[in-house]
């Protein structure tokens, strides 16, 4: 959750599905050109990073984080 003073609080989240599709199209086009096969491999690596980011974003919230939020605050 973003704080009230976060300068990026109104910035939209990146749509990873759209980015994945766009990179897949570019990778497929580059793979057809013999001189650009290495670039296609690098974009394939970027696609793997996008999939990893998606799994982290959609993964469950760790229990330790939930427990920290539920602890009562100490008033000094």
C-alpha atoms as a PDB file:
ATOM      1  CA  UNK A   1       0.000   0.000   0.000  1.00  0.00           C
ATOM      2  CA  UNK A   2       1.353   3.388  -0.898  1.00  0.00           C
ATOM      3  CA  UNK A   3       1.618   6.116   1.693  1.00  0.00           C
ATOM      4  CA  UNK A   4      -0.191   9.465   1.484  1.00  0.00           C
ATOM      5  CA  UNK A   5       3.064  11.294   0.673  1.00  0.00           C
ATOM      6  CA  UNK A   6       4.260   8.926  -2.034  1.00  0.00           C
ATOM      7  CA  UNK A   7       4.976  11.008  -5.174  1.00  0.00           C
ATOM      8  CA  UNK A   8       4.066   8.045  -7.405  1.00  0.00           C
ATOM      9  CA  UNK A   9       0.739   7.277  -5.756  1.00  0.00           C
ATOM     10  CA  UNK A  10      -1.249   8.329  -8.831  1.00  0.00           C
ATOM     11  CA  UNK A  11       0.996   6.553 -11.329  1.00  0.00           C
ATOM     12  CA  UNK A  12      -0.715   3.571 -12.937  1.00  0.00           C
ATOM     13  CA  UNK A  13       0.813   0.134 -12.517  1.00  0.00           C
ATOM     14  CA  UNK A  14       2.515  -1.295 -15.578  1.00  0.00           C
ATOM     15  CA  UNK A  15       0.337  -3.757 -17.450  1.00  0.00           C
ATOM     16  CA  UNK A  16       2.743  -6.689 -17.576  1.00  0.00           C
ATOM     17  CA  UNK A  17       0.481  -8.731 -19.842  1.00  0.00           C
ATOM     18  CA  UNK A  18       0.559  -6.085 -22.559  1.00  0.00           C
ATOM     19  CA  UNK A  19       4.313  -5.680 -22.175  1.00  0.00           C
ATOM     20  CA  UNK A  20       4.786  -9.455 -22.436  1.00  0.00           C
ATOM     21  CA  UNK A  21       2.741  -9.614 -25.654  1.00  0.00           C
ATOM     22  CA  UNK A  22       4.626  -6.688 -27.195  1.00  0.00           C
ATOM     23  CA  UNK A  23       8.021  -8.191 -26.364  1.00  0.00           C
ATOM     24  CA  UNK A  24       6.924 -11.567 -27.748  1.00  0.00           C
ATOM     25  CA  UNK A  25       5.965  -9.950 -31.088  1.00  0.00           C
ATOM     26  CA  UNK A  26       9.297  -8.117 -31.254  1.00  0.00           C
ATOM     27  CA  UNK A  27      11.223 -11.289 -30.339  1.00  0.00           C
ATOM     28  CA  UNK A  28       9.436 -13.290 -33.027  1.00  0.00           C
ATOM     29  CA  UNK A  29      10.151 -10.624 -35.659  1.00  0.00           C
ATOM     30  CA  UNK A  30      13.826 -10.411 -34.693  1.00  0.00           C
ATOM     31  CA  UNK A  31      14.210 -14.191 -34.714  1.00  0.00           C
ATOM     32  CA  UNK A  32      13.332 -14.239 -38.434  1.00  0.00           C
ATOM     33  CA  UNK A  33      16.371 -12.085 -39.306  1.00  0.00           C
ATOM     34  CA  UNK A  34      19.615 -14.072 -39.114  1.00  0.00           C
ATOM     35  CA  UNK A  35      21.728 -11.080 -38.016  1.00  0.00           C
ATOM     36  CA  UNK A  36      19.346 -10.265 -35.137  1.00  0.00           C
ATOM     37  CA  UNK A  37      19.048 -13.696 -33.514  1.00  0.00           C
ATOM     38  CA  UNK A  38      21.109 -12.593 -30.501  1.00  0.00           C
ATOM     39  CA  UNK A  39      18.752  -9.633 -29.944  1.00  0.00           C
ATOM     40  CA  UNK A  40      15.826 -12.075 -30.031  1.00  0.00           C
ATOM     41  CA  UNK A  41      17.534 -14.174 -27.343  1.00  0.00           C
ATOM     42  CA  UNK A  42      18.021 -11.105 -25.152  1.00  0.00           C
ATOM     43  CA  UNK A  43      14.370 -10.146 -25.507  1.00  0.00           C
ATOM     44  CA  UNK A  44      13.529 -13.729 -24.555  1.00  0.00           C
ATOM     45  CA  UNK A  45      15.493 -13.146 -21.348  1.00  0.00           C
ATOM     46  CA  UNK A  46      13.514  -9.955 -20.773  1.00  0.00           C
ATOM     47  CA  UNK A  47      10.309 -11.977 -21.176  1.00  0.00           C
ATOM     48  CA  UNK A  48      11.519 -14.339 -18.460  1.00  0.00           C
ATOM     49  CA  UNK A  49      12.053 -11.322 -16.186  1.00  0.00           C
ATOM     50  CA  UNK A  50       8.519 -10.088 -16.896  1.00  0.00           C
ATOM     51  CA  UNK A  51       7.116 -13.507 -15.979  1.00  0.00           C
ATOM     52  CA  UNK A  52       9.136 -13.481 -12.752  1.00  0.00           C
ATOM     53  CA  UNK A  53       7.841  -9.994 -11.926  1.00  0.00           C
ATOM     54  CA  UNK A  54       4.268 -11.140 -12.586  1.00  0.00           C
ATOM     55  CA  UNK A  55       4.634 -14.083 -10.245  1.00  0.00           C
ATOM     56  CA  UNK A  56       6.051 -11.815  -7.526  1.00  0.00           C
ATOM     57  CA  UNK A  57       3.264  -9.277  -7.988  1.00  0.00           C
ATOM     58  CA  UNK A  58       0.516 -11.884  -7.951  1.00  0.00           C
ATOM     59  CA  UNK A  59       2.061 -14.033  -5.220  1.00  0.00           C
ATOM     60  CA  UNK A  60       0.570 -14.310  -1.762  1.00  0.00           C
ATOM     61  CA  UNK A  61       1.461 -11.770   0.908  1.00  0.00           C
ATOM     62  CA  UNK A  62       3.974 -13.289   3.343  1.00  0.00           C
ATOM     63  CA  UNK A  63       2.531 -13.974   6.774  1.00  0.00           C
ATOM     64  CA  UNK A  64       5.383 -12.075   8.452  1.00  0.00           C
ATOM     65  CA  UNK A  65       4.266  -8.870   6.717  1.00  0.00           C
ATOM     66  CA  UNK A  66       0.694  -9.352   7.872  1.00  0.00           C
ATOM     67  CA  UNK A  67       1.804  -9.979  11.444  1.00  0.00           C
ATOM     68  CA  UNK A  68       3.859  -6.783  11.482  1.00  0.00           C
ATOM     69  CA  UNK A  69       0.850  -4.743  10.424  1.00  0.00           C
ATOM     70  CA  UNK A  70      -1.388  -6.263  13.091  1.00  0.00           C
ATOM     71  CA  UNK A  71       0.851  -5.455  16.036  1.00  0.00           C
ATOM     72  CA  UNK A  72      -0.424  -2.610  18.221  1.00  0.00           C
ATOM     73  CA  UNK A  73       1.544   0.611  18.138  1.00  0.00           C
ATOM     74  CA  UNK A  74       3.448   1.704  21.196  1.00  0.00           C
ATOM     75  CA  UNK A  75       2.543   5.239  22.244  1.00  0.00           C
ATOM     76  CA  UNK A  76       5.384   7.129  23.839  1.00  0.00           C
END
